[in-house]
Amino acid sequence: MGEHGQPEVLGPIKATRPPWGVPRVDPAALGYIVEEYQLCGVAACYEVVADQAGSNVEVKVMGTAPYHTRLLVMRPADPERFNHTVLLNWQNVSGGFESFAPSDGELYEGYAWVGVSAQEVGLYGPPVGMGARVNAKGLVDEDPERYGMLRHPGDPGSFDIFADAARVVGPCRLTGLDPLAGLDVRHVIAIGGSQSAMRLVAYANTLHNLHRVIDGYALSAWEGRAPDLGDGPISFGGARTVIRDDIEVPFVVVNSEFEALALHLAGAVDSKWIRYWEVAGAPHGVTRRRDLPHGHGWKPNTLRIKPVAESALRHVRRWVAEGRRAPAFPRIEFDGDRPPRIRRDAHGNAIGGVRLPELEAPVAEYRGVATGTGLPPLFGAARPFTDDGLRAMYPSRQLFEDRWQRAVDDLVASEALRPEDGETMAGHMHQVRLPTDEPHPIGPRQGGALDDADDGWP
C-alpha cells in the first residue's frame, strides 16, 4: 500500500452505452466477461533526487492530489480458465483518445486484462499542440453520462495511479470491492506499446523498486526514451535511456525496425533480466489508409510486430511464473558509419533481427522508416519487386512457398512465434501473387498473424 492511503474501487459501472474501448468482437464468444470500474484515490507526483548506476533511485514526493479514473476489466467467465496472471495495460493515448482492448491473441489464453486510464489525455482529450487525430475526444466528452465524474490531477500523477491499479488487482488486494471477482491472482505484468512503453520505462526505472507491485514487463515499439516524472501530456519521449538492469524482474521488449537505431545508439543490450527483440522490416505502426501520398514505387508497409509480441507476452508470463527465461534473438545489424545505418541485403531488406517470412521469401523491399519515400515515417514503406526480378528469384511458385514455410517453421521452432499463429502466418503465402501465377485476386495483407489496428499493439 502506498503512503497516501488505500485506493477505492467502485462498480461495476452501468450506463446507457457500453464502456469505451471494449473489444471489437463479442468477448462472451471467447469465454470472457467485460466490466468497467472506477478507481479513486490520492496520487503523488515525484522528482528524482539521486540516480546512480548500481544503487536504488531516490525520489521525493513533490505533492499529492486526488484522482477519479476508470479500469476496463476483462476476465475469463470460467474461473478455472484463469492462469493467475493479470495483464495491466497502460492505455495508449497517442491518437488523442484511448486505444481499444484486444480482440484476439494471447490475452484470451486465460489471462485477466485490465486497461488503466492513467493519463489525462484519456479523460480530457488532446491539448493544443499534441498533434492528435482530428475530432479526438477524451472519455469525459465521449460519454458524459458514464465518465462525466472522472477527474485527473495531471500526468505527473499517472505513475501513482498505475501503481494503485496494480494494488487493487494484484495478489494482495485489500479493497472491499474486488474487480476480479475473487480470482486467484499471483502475478501482475505491465504491458504497453509506443508512448505507453515510454511511460512504463520511466515508471520502471524510477518507481518500480519503491512500489514493488509489478512482476514483469512486456513492452512493444519502445523508442529508447522515457519522459521525466514531472512531464505533462505533450511529452512523448524525453532523454534517450535504457532499462535499468537492477530492477530484477523480467522485461521483454518487441521492437520494429523503426526503433532499432534509437536502441542501438542508446546501447541497449540483453542482460539477465532483459530481452530486446527486433522485427526486421516492420514499421512502428500500420495504417489502414491506402490513399497516403507516396512515390518512386513505394507503398504503405503492412508488416506487423504483433504476432511476435504475442509470443513475447507468453514468454514473460512463463519467466515470471516458472522462471523460464525468454530466448534471445539476433539484433538488426548496423554498419560503422556515423550516423550508423542499417545493413541491408541485396534486396534492400535489413540484415539480422527476428525475420518474418516476408523477408525470407521476399517479394518487396521493406523499410521500417519511410524517410525519403513520401510516406509518414512511422508507417514505414514497401516497394514491390519487378516482375522480372520475381521471375529470376522464383522460377517456380513451389520454391517461393517452400522458403515461406521454412521461415514460419523457424519462427515457431525458435519460439518467436506461437505455434497456433504459425498456420495462419503460413496461409498468408497464398495472398501473394507471383508473375508466373494464374491471375487471381490478391488479399491486402502482406504479413503478420493477427490484424486489429486499434488494439494497442503496433
Protein backbone atom coordinates (compact mmCIF):
# COMPACT_ATOMS: atom_id res chain seq x y z
CA MET A 1 0.00 0.00 0.00
CA GLY A 2 1.24 3.50 -0.78
CA GLU A 3 1.69 6.15 1.87
CA HIS A 4 -1.35 8.06 0.63
CA GLY A 5 -3.98 5.53 1.70
CA GLN A 6 -5.79 2.62 0.11
CA PRO A 7 -7.48 3.42 -3.21
CA GLU A 8 -11.21 2.78 -3.55
CA VAL A 9 -12.90 0.73 -6.26
CA LEU A 10 -16.46 1.48 -7.45
CA GLY A 11 -18.63 -0.55 -9.80
CA PRO A 12 -19.25 -2.37 -11.96
CA ILE A 13 -20.46 0.76 -13.74
CA LYS A 14 -23.83 0.68 -15.51
CA ALA A 15 -24.82 3.20 -18.18
CA THR A 16 -26.84 3.52 -21.38
CA ARG A 17 -23.84 2.99 -23.64
CA PRO A 18 -21.20 0.28 -23.23
CA PRO A 19 -17.75 1.21 -21.95
CA TRP A 20 -15.36 2.92 -24.34
CA GLY A 21 -12.69 0.67 -25.80
CA VAL A 22 -14.35 -2.73 -25.45
CA PRO A 23 -13.11 -5.37 -27.94
CA ARG A 24 -14.49 -5.20 -31.46
CA VAL A 25 -15.68 -8.78 -31.11
CA ASP A 26 -18.11 -10.31 -28.63
CA PRO A 27 -15.96 -11.30 -25.62
CA ALA A 28 -18.61 -13.76 -24.47
CA ALA A 29 -17.96 -15.82 -27.58
CA LEU A 30 -14.35 -16.09 -26.39
CA GLY A 31 -15.37 -17.01 -22.87
CA TYR A 32 -14.69 -13.60 -21.34
CA ILE A 33 -16.60 -11.07 -19.24
CA VAL A 34 -16.04 -7.32 -19.69
CA GLU A 35 -16.81 -4.90 -16.87
CA GLU A 36 -15.85 -1.35 -16.05
CA TYR A 37 -14.91 0.00 -12.64
CA GLN A 38 -13.87 3.35 -11.24
CA LEU A 39 -10.73 3.86 -9.20
CA CYS A 40 -10.45 6.70 -6.68
CA GLY A 41 -7.51 7.71 -4.55
CA VAL A 42 -4.73 10.20 -3.96
CA ALA A 43 -1.78 10.27 -6.33
CA ALA A 44 1.66 11.64 -5.60
CA CYS A 45 3.96 13.28 -8.10
CA TYR A 46 7.68 12.63 -7.75
CA GLU A 47 11.06 14.09 -8.54
CA VAL A 48 14.25 12.08 -8.89
CA VAL A 49 16.90 13.35 -6.47
CA ALA A 50 19.57 10.66 -6.97
CA ASP A 51 20.04 8.17 -9.79
CA GLN A 52 23.34 6.32 -9.95
CA ALA A 53 24.19 3.02 -11.59
CA GLY A 54 24.36 0.19 -9.09
CA SER A 55 22.18 1.91 -6.48
CA ASN A 56 18.47 2.48 -6.00
CA VAL A 57 16.90 5.60 -7.45
CA GLU A 58 15.96 8.14 -4.79
CA VAL A 59 12.78 10.12 -5.33
CA LYS A 60 10.94 12.67 -3.27
CA VAL A 61 7.23 13.48 -3.24
CA MET A 62 6.59 16.93 -4.71
CA GLY A 63 2.88 16.99 -4.00
CA THR A 64 -0.35 14.98 -3.92
CA ALA A 65 -3.80 15.33 -5.46
CA PRO A 66 -7.00 13.28 -5.63
CA TYR A 67 -7.93 11.39 -8.76
CA HIS A 68 -11.00 9.54 -10.07
CA THR A 69 -10.37 7.36 -13.11
CA ARG A 70 -11.54 4.10 -14.61
CA LEU A 71 -10.46 0.50 -15.10
CA LEU A 72 -11.66 -1.61 -18.03
CA VAL A 73 -11.57 -5.23 -16.86
CA MET A 74 -11.74 -8.41 -18.94
CA ARG A 75 -11.57 -11.78 -17.22
CA PRO A 76 -12.43 -15.41 -18.01
CA ALA A 77 -16.07 -16.21 -17.36
CA ASP A 78 -14.94 -19.59 -16.01
CA PRO A 79 -12.55 -19.05 -13.07
CA GLU A 80 -10.98 -22.44 -13.82
CA ARG A 81 -9.57 -20.98 -17.05
CA PHE A 82 -7.72 -18.19 -15.24
CA ASN A 83 -3.95 -18.60 -15.41
CA HIS A 84 -3.32 -16.48 -12.27
CA THR A 85 -1.91 -13.59 -14.30
CA VAL A 86 -3.21 -10.05 -14.75
CA LEU A 87 -2.08 -8.01 -17.74
CA LEU A 88 -2.11 -4.40 -16.58
CA ASN A 89 -2.30 -2.26 -19.70
CA TRP A 90 -1.19 1.37 -19.71
CA GLN A 91 -3.87 2.71 -22.07
CA ASN A 92 -2.25 4.32 -25.10
CA VAL A 93 -3.36 7.88 -25.89
CA SER A 94 -1.09 8.72 -28.84
CA GLY A 95 -4.11 9.44 -31.06
CA GLY A 96 -5.69 11.78 -28.51
CA PHE A 97 -8.01 9.06 -27.17
CA GLU A 98 -7.62 5.67 -25.53
CA SER A 99 -6.87 2.57 -27.56
CA PHE A 100 -9.25 -0.37 -27.73
CA ALA A 101 -8.89 -3.64 -25.85
CA PRO A 102 -7.51 -6.57 -27.89
CA SER A 103 -9.96 -8.62 -29.90
CA ASP A 104 -7.74 -11.71 -30.11
CA GLY A 105 -4.34 -13.02 -29.17
CA GLU A 106 -2.54 -14.27 -26.08
CA LEU A 107 -4.84 -12.38 -23.71
CA TYR A 108 -7.62 -14.89 -24.33
CA GLU A 109 -5.48 -17.82 -23.17
CA GLY A 110 -6.72 -17.44 -19.60
CA TYR A 111 -5.34 -14.06 -18.55
CA ALA A 112 -7.25 -11.21 -16.97
CA TRP A 113 -6.67 -7.88 -18.74
CA VAL A 114 -7.08 -4.52 -17.03
CA GLY A 115 -6.87 -1.29 -19.01
CA VAL A 116 -5.81 1.62 -16.79
CA SER A 117 -6.85 5.14 -17.76
CA ALA A 118 -3.64 6.52 -16.31
CA GLN A 119 -3.18 9.69 -18.37
CA GLU A 120 -5.12 12.93 -18.54
CA VAL A 121 -5.47 12.78 -22.34
CA GLY A 122 -7.54 9.63 -21.94
CA LEU A 123 -10.04 11.53 -19.79
CA TYR A 124 -9.98 15.02 -21.29
CA GLY A 125 -8.73 14.57 -24.86
CA PRO A 126 -5.65 16.07 -26.52
CA PRO A 127 -4.30 19.51 -25.61
CA VAL A 128 -3.36 22.02 -28.28
CA GLY A 129 -0.03 21.08 -29.81
CA MET A 130 -0.28 17.34 -29.25
CA GLY A 131 -0.84 16.54 -32.92
CA ALA A 132 -3.67 14.08 -32.25
CA ARG A 133 -6.28 12.84 -34.70
CA VAL A 134 -8.95 15.27 -35.85
CA ASN A 135 -12.03 15.26 -33.59
CA ALA A 136 -10.30 13.09 -30.97
CA LYS A 137 -12.22 13.09 -27.68
CA GLY A 138 -11.42 12.02 -24.16
CA LEU A 139 -13.73 9.82 -22.14
CA VAL A 140 -15.43 12.73 -20.36
CA ASP A 141 -16.63 14.28 -23.63
CA GLU A 142 -17.22 10.98 -25.38
CA ASP A 143 -19.80 9.79 -22.84
CA PRO A 144 -20.63 12.36 -20.12
CA GLU A 145 -23.19 10.05 -18.51
CA ARG A 146 -20.62 7.33 -17.90
CA TYR A 147 -17.47 9.40 -17.47
CA GLY A 148 -18.51 12.94 -16.51
CA MET A 149 -17.45 12.48 -12.89
CA LEU A 150 -13.87 11.39 -13.68
CA ARG A 151 -11.03 13.67 -12.56
CA HIS A 152 -7.31 13.60 -13.28
CA PRO A 153 -4.62 15.58 -11.42
CA GLY A 154 -2.27 15.72 -14.44
CA ASP A 155 0.24 13.31 -15.90
CA PRO A 156 2.82 13.70 -13.11
CA GLY A 157 0.29 11.68 -11.08
CA SER A 158 -0.12 8.97 -13.74
CA PHE A 159 2.61 6.75 -12.29
CA ASP A 160 0.97 6.57 -8.87
CA ILE A 161 -2.42 5.94 -10.49
CA PHE A 162 -0.97 2.99 -12.39
CA ALA A 163 0.61 1.62 -9.18
CA ASP A 164 -2.72 1.92 -7.36
CA ALA A 165 -4.37 -0.02 -10.17
CA ALA A 166 -1.79 -2.78 -9.70
CA ARG A 167 -2.59 -2.84 -5.99
CA VAL A 168 -6.34 -3.28 -6.45
CA VAL A 169 -5.98 -6.17 -8.94
CA GLY A 170 -2.84 -7.81 -7.55
CA PRO A 171 -2.25 -10.75 -5.20
CA CYS A 172 -2.54 -8.61 -2.05
CA ARG A 173 -5.59 -6.55 -3.00
CA LEU A 174 -7.42 -5.33 0.08
CA THR A 175 -10.23 -3.16 -1.31
CA GLY A 176 -13.76 -4.01 -0.28
CA LEU A 177 -14.86 -4.41 -3.91
CA ASP A 178 -12.82 -6.84 -5.98
CA PRO A 179 -12.84 -6.01 -9.72
CA LEU A 180 -11.59 -9.54 -10.43
CA ALA A 181 -14.42 -11.29 -8.60
CA GLY A 182 -12.17 -13.34 -6.32
CA LEU A 183 -9.80 -14.73 -8.96
CA ASP A 184 -6.58 -16.18 -7.57
CA VAL A 185 -4.10 -13.59 -8.84
CA ARG A 186 -0.43 -14.44 -8.40
CA HIS A 187 1.29 -12.18 -10.94
CA VAL A 188 0.80 -8.74 -12.47
CA ILE A 189 2.53 -7.99 -15.78
CA ALA A 190 2.63 -4.40 -17.02
CA ILE A 191 2.08 -4.07 -20.77
CA GLY A 192 2.12 -1.15 -23.18
CA GLY A 193 3.31 -0.05 -26.59
CA SER A 194 4.86 3.04 -28.12
CA GLN A 195 4.04 6.09 -25.97
CA SER A 196 2.76 3.82 -23.20
CA ALA A 197 6.01 1.86 -23.29
CA MET A 198 7.93 5.10 -22.75
CA ARG A 199 5.94 5.89 -19.63
CA LEU A 200 6.27 2.34 -18.34
CA VAL A 201 10.06 2.54 -18.73
CA ALA A 202 10.01 5.84 -16.81
CA TYR A 203 7.99 4.11 -14.09
CA ALA A 204 10.20 1.02 -14.00
CA ASN A 205 13.46 2.95 -13.91
CA THR A 206 12.41 5.21 -11.04
CA LEU A 207 9.46 3.88 -9.04
CA HIS A 208 9.37 0.10 -9.55
CA ASN A 209 11.62 -0.65 -6.59
CA LEU A 210 9.67 1.79 -4.42
CA HIS A 211 6.25 0.28 -5.12
CA ARG A 212 7.07 -3.41 -5.87
CA VAL A 213 3.64 -4.12 -7.39
CA ILE A 214 4.70 -5.29 -10.89
CA ASP A 215 6.18 -8.74 -11.56
CA GLY A 216 7.24 -8.28 -15.19
CA TYR A 217 7.01 -6.02 -18.22
CA ALA A 218 6.02 -6.77 -21.84
CA LEU A 219 6.66 -3.70 -23.99
CA SER A 220 6.46 -3.01 -27.70
CA ALA A 221 7.59 -0.32 -30.14
CA TRP A 222 9.71 1.40 -27.49
CA GLU A 223 11.88 4.17 -28.93
CA GLY A 224 14.60 4.12 -26.29
CA ARG A 225 13.28 7.15 -24.45
CA ALA A 226 11.34 7.90 -21.28
CA PRO A 227 9.71 11.10 -20.01
CA ASP A 228 10.64 12.79 -16.77
CA LEU A 229 8.30 12.04 -13.89
CA GLY A 230 7.00 15.60 -13.96
CA ASP A 231 6.29 15.79 -17.69
CA GLY A 232 2.80 16.60 -18.94
CA PRO A 233 0.81 15.18 -21.86
CA ILE A 234 2.80 16.85 -24.64
CA SER A 235 5.92 14.86 -23.77
CA PHE A 236 6.19 11.75 -25.91
CA GLY A 237 9.76 10.91 -25.11
CA GLY A 238 12.40 12.65 -23.16
CA ALA A 239 16.03 11.79 -22.91
CA ARG A 240 17.47 8.69 -24.53
CA THR A 241 17.71 5.92 -21.96
CA VAL A 242 17.91 2.18 -21.40
CA ILE A 243 16.08 -0.07 -18.97
CA ARG A 244 17.97 -0.40 -15.71
CA ASP A 245 19.39 -3.87 -15.19
CA ASP A 246 19.00 -3.79 -11.40
CA ILE A 247 15.18 -3.93 -11.35
CA GLU A 248 15.33 -7.74 -11.25
CA VAL A 249 12.02 -8.61 -12.87
CA PRO A 250 11.63 -9.86 -16.46
CA PHE A 251 11.40 -7.43 -19.38
CA VAL A 252 10.79 -8.39 -22.99
CA VAL A 253 10.72 -5.51 -25.48
CA VAL A 254 9.49 -6.26 -29.01
CA ASN A 255 10.50 -3.53 -31.42
CA SER A 256 10.19 -2.89 -35.11
CA GLU A 257 12.90 -1.77 -37.49
CA PHE A 258 11.75 1.79 -36.82
CA GLU A 259 13.05 1.77 -33.23
CA ALA A 260 16.24 -0.20 -33.92
CA LEU A 261 18.52 2.80 -34.45
CA ALA A 262 17.41 4.51 -31.23
CA LEU A 263 18.19 1.44 -29.13
CA HIS A 264 21.47 0.89 -30.97
CA LEU A 265 22.56 4.46 -30.16
CA ALA A 266 21.38 4.12 -26.56
CA GLY A 267 23.49 1.00 -26.07
CA ALA A 268 20.52 -1.16 -25.07
CA VAL A 269 21.64 -4.79 -24.78
CA ASP A 270 20.22 -8.02 -23.42
CA SER A 271 21.01 -8.85 -19.82
CA LYS A 272 19.98 -11.29 -17.11
CA TRP A 273 16.52 -9.73 -16.86
CA ILE A 274 16.05 -8.01 -20.21
CA ARG A 275 15.43 -9.21 -23.77
CA TYR A 276 15.21 -6.94 -26.82
CA TRP A 277 13.57 -8.49 -29.89
CA GLU A 278 13.67 -6.54 -33.16
CA VAL A 279 11.41 -7.47 -36.10
CA ALA A 280 13.26 -6.68 -39.31
CA GLY A 281 11.33 -4.80 -41.99
CA ALA A 282 8.39 -3.85 -39.78
CA PRO A 283 7.31 -0.23 -39.14
CA HIS A 284 6.36 1.40 -35.85
CA GLY A 285 2.69 1.24 -36.77
CA VAL A 286 0.44 0.17 -39.61
CA THR A 287 -2.03 2.48 -41.29
CA ARG A 288 -5.31 1.27 -42.76
CA ARG A 289 -5.25 4.16 -45.23
CA ARG A 290 -4.22 3.25 -48.76
CA ASP A 291 -4.55 6.81 -50.12
CA LEU A 292 -1.42 8.20 -48.48
CA PRO A 293 0.80 10.20 -50.84
CA HIS A 294 3.89 8.33 -51.95
CA GLY A 295 6.18 7.96 -54.92
CA HIS A 296 9.05 6.12 -56.57
CA GLY A 297 7.14 2.83 -56.32
CA TRP A 298 6.78 2.94 -52.54
CA LYS A 299 3.58 1.82 -50.81
CA PRO A 300 2.48 1.59 -47.15
CA ASN A 301 4.24 -1.16 -45.22
CA THR A 302 1.75 -3.69 -43.78
CA LEU A 303 4.20 -5.85 -41.81
CA ARG A 304 3.38 -6.02 -38.10
CA ILE A 305 5.25 -6.88 -34.93
CA LYS A 306 2.08 -8.09 -33.23
CA PRO A 307 2.41 -11.86 -33.79
CA VAL A 308 5.92 -11.72 -32.31
CA ALA A 309 4.71 -9.54 -29.45
CA GLU A 310 2.01 -12.11 -28.63
CA SER A 311 4.71 -14.75 -28.26
CA ALA A 312 6.78 -12.39 -26.12
CA LEU A 313 3.83 -11.93 -23.76
CA ARG A 314 3.62 -15.69 -23.29
CA HIS A 315 7.35 -15.77 -22.55
CA VAL A 316 7.09 -13.02 -19.93
CA ARG A 317 4.38 -14.96 -18.10
CA ARG A 318 6.47 -18.13 -18.16
CA TRP A 319 9.50 -16.21 -16.96
CA VAL A 320 7.54 -14.66 -14.10
CA ALA A 321 5.57 -17.78 -13.12
CA GLU A 322 8.05 -20.57 -13.87
CA GLY A 323 11.45 -18.95 -14.05
CA ARG A 324 11.88 -19.92 -17.74
CA ARG A 325 13.87 -17.11 -19.31
CA ALA A 326 12.76 -15.78 -22.68
CA PRO A 327 15.03 -16.63 -25.62
CA ALA A 328 17.41 -14.08 -27.09
CA PHE A 329 17.48 -13.23 -30.80
CA PRO A 330 19.99 -11.53 -33.08
CA ARG A 331 19.51 -7.78 -33.33
CA ILE A 332 19.17 -5.80 -36.54
CA GLU A 333 22.70 -5.08 -37.77
CA PHE A 334 24.27 -1.63 -38.29
CA ASP A 335 27.35 -0.54 -40.17
CA GLY A 336 30.16 1.51 -38.64
CA ASP A 337 29.19 4.81 -40.26
CA ARG A 338 28.40 7.96 -38.34
CA PRO A 339 25.49 8.11 -38.03
CA PRO A 340 25.05 4.33 -38.18
CA ARG A 341 22.92 2.86 -40.92
CA ILE A 342 21.07 -0.45 -41.05
CA ARG A 343 22.93 -3.09 -43.01
CA ARG A 344 20.83 -4.34 -45.91
CA ASP A 345 20.94 -7.36 -48.17
CA ALA A 346 20.92 -7.39 -51.96
CA HIS A 347 17.14 -6.88 -51.94
CA GLY A 348 17.32 -3.80 -49.71
CA ASN A 349 15.96 -5.55 -46.62
CA ALA A 350 17.52 -5.32 -43.17
CA ILE A 351 20.03 -7.95 -42.06
CA GLY A 352 19.52 -9.58 -38.68
CA GLY A 353 16.62 -9.37 -36.27
CA VAL A 354 13.55 -11.58 -36.00
CA ARG A 355 12.67 -12.41 -39.58
CA LEU A 356 9.11 -12.72 -40.83
CA PRO A 357 8.55 -14.85 -43.95
CA GLU A 358 8.17 -11.64 -45.98
CA LEU A 359 11.92 -11.11 -45.52
CA GLU A 360 12.98 -14.73 -46.02
CA ALA A 361 10.81 -15.16 -49.12
CA PRO A 362 10.62 -11.51 -50.17
CA VAL A 363 8.52 -10.04 -52.91
CA ALA A 364 9.27 -6.45 -51.87
CA GLU A 365 11.80 -4.21 -50.19
CA TYR A 366 10.60 -3.29 -46.71
CA ARG A 367 11.64 -0.24 -44.73
CA GLY A 368 10.70 0.29 -41.10
CA VAL A 369 11.25 4.03 -41.52
CA ALA A 370 9.63 5.74 -44.50
CA THR A 371 12.12 8.61 -44.78
CA GLY A 372 12.57 9.62 -48.42
CA THR A 373 9.58 7.65 -49.71
CA GLY A 374 6.87 10.29 -49.46
CA LEU A 375 5.07 8.34 -46.72
CA PRO A 376 4.79 9.22 -43.00
CA PRO A 377 7.97 7.90 -41.30
CA LEU A 378 6.12 5.95 -38.57
CA PHE A 379 4.31 3.74 -41.06
CA GLY A 380 7.35 2.56 -42.99
CA ALA A 381 7.26 1.74 -46.68
CA ALA A 382 7.34 -1.21 -49.06
CA ARG A 383 8.47 -1.27 -52.70
CA PRO A 384 7.41 -4.36 -54.66
CA PHE A 385 9.99 -6.09 -56.82
CA THR A 386 9.59 -6.01 -60.58
CA ASP A 387 8.06 -8.97 -62.36
CA ASP A 388 11.40 -9.71 -63.99
CA GLY A 389 13.09 -9.71 -60.60
CA LEU A 390 10.48 -12.07 -59.16
CA ARG A 391 10.80 -14.48 -62.09
CA ALA A 392 14.56 -14.64 -61.53
CA MET A 393 14.12 -15.22 -57.77
CA TYR A 394 11.31 -17.75 -58.02
CA PRO A 395 11.37 -19.88 -61.18
CA SER A 396 8.50 -21.82 -59.61
CA ARG A 397 5.84 -21.00 -57.07
CA GLN A 398 6.83 -24.08 -55.12
CA LEU A 399 10.26 -22.56 -54.45
CA PHE A 400 8.63 -19.43 -53.04
CA GLU A 401 6.22 -21.40 -50.86
CA ASP A 402 9.00 -23.66 -49.56
CA ARG A 403 11.01 -20.63 -48.46
CA TRP A 404 7.97 -19.03 -46.84
CA GLN A 405 7.04 -22.20 -44.95
CA ARG A 406 10.63 -22.70 -43.81
CA ALA A 407 10.66 -19.17 -42.38
CA VAL A 408 7.43 -19.81 -40.46
CA ASP A 409 8.75 -23.12 -39.16
CA ASP A 410 11.93 -21.39 -37.98
CA LEU A 411 9.94 -18.74 -36.13
CA VAL A 412 7.86 -21.36 -34.34
CA ALA A 413 10.91 -23.52 -33.52
CA SER A 414 12.75 -20.52 -32.06
CA GLU A 415 9.62 -19.54 -30.09
CA ALA A 416 9.46 -16.11 -31.67
CA LEU A 417 6.00 -17.14 -32.88
CA ARG A 418 3.30 -19.02 -31.02
CA PRO A 419 2.59 -22.41 -32.63
CA GLU A 420 -1.08 -21.55 -33.05
CA ASP A 421 -0.13 -18.50 -35.13
CA GLY A 422 2.15 -20.50 -37.40
CA GLU A 423 -0.65 -21.96 -39.52
CA THR A 424 -2.22 -18.53 -40.03
CA MET A 425 1.07 -16.94 -41.00
CA ALA A 426 1.84 -19.80 -43.37
CA GLY A 427 -1.53 -19.27 -45.02
CA HIS A 428 -0.59 -15.72 -45.94
CA MET A 429 1.67 -17.06 -48.67
CA HIS A 430 -1.47 -17.73 -50.74
CA GLN A 431 -2.25 -14.00 -50.75
CA VAL A 432 0.99 -13.24 -52.59
CA ARG A 433 0.84 -13.11 -56.38
CA LEU A 434 3.85 -14.04 -58.47
CA PRO A 435 4.13 -13.19 -62.18
CA THR A 436 4.17 -16.90 -63.02
CA ASP A 437 0.81 -17.48 -61.29
CA GLU A 438 -2.57 -17.74 -62.90
CA PRO A 439 -4.46 -14.43 -62.36
CA HIS A 440 -6.40 -14.30 -59.11
CA PRO A 441 -7.47 -11.66 -56.57
CA ILE A 442 -4.78 -10.55 -54.17
CA GLY A 443 -5.56 -10.10 -50.48
CA PRO A 444 -4.49 -6.82 -48.90
CA ARG A 445 -2.31 -8.43 -46.26
CA GLN A 446 1.45 -8.77 -46.66
CA GLY A 447 2.23 -10.47 -43.36
CA GLY A 448 1.59 -10.88 -39.67
CA ALA A 449 -0.65 -13.40 -37.97
CA LEU A 450 -3.17 -11.01 -36.49
CA ASP A 451 -4.85 -7.80 -37.58
CA ASP A 452 -6.57 -5.33 -35.28
CA ALA A 453 -5.15 -1.87 -35.79
CA ASP A 454 -6.80 -0.28 -32.73
CA ASP A 455 -5.91 -2.89 -30.13
CA GLY A 456 -2.91 -1.13 -28.61
CA TRP A 457 -0.29 -3.22 -30.40
CA PRO A 458 1.61 -1.54 -33.19
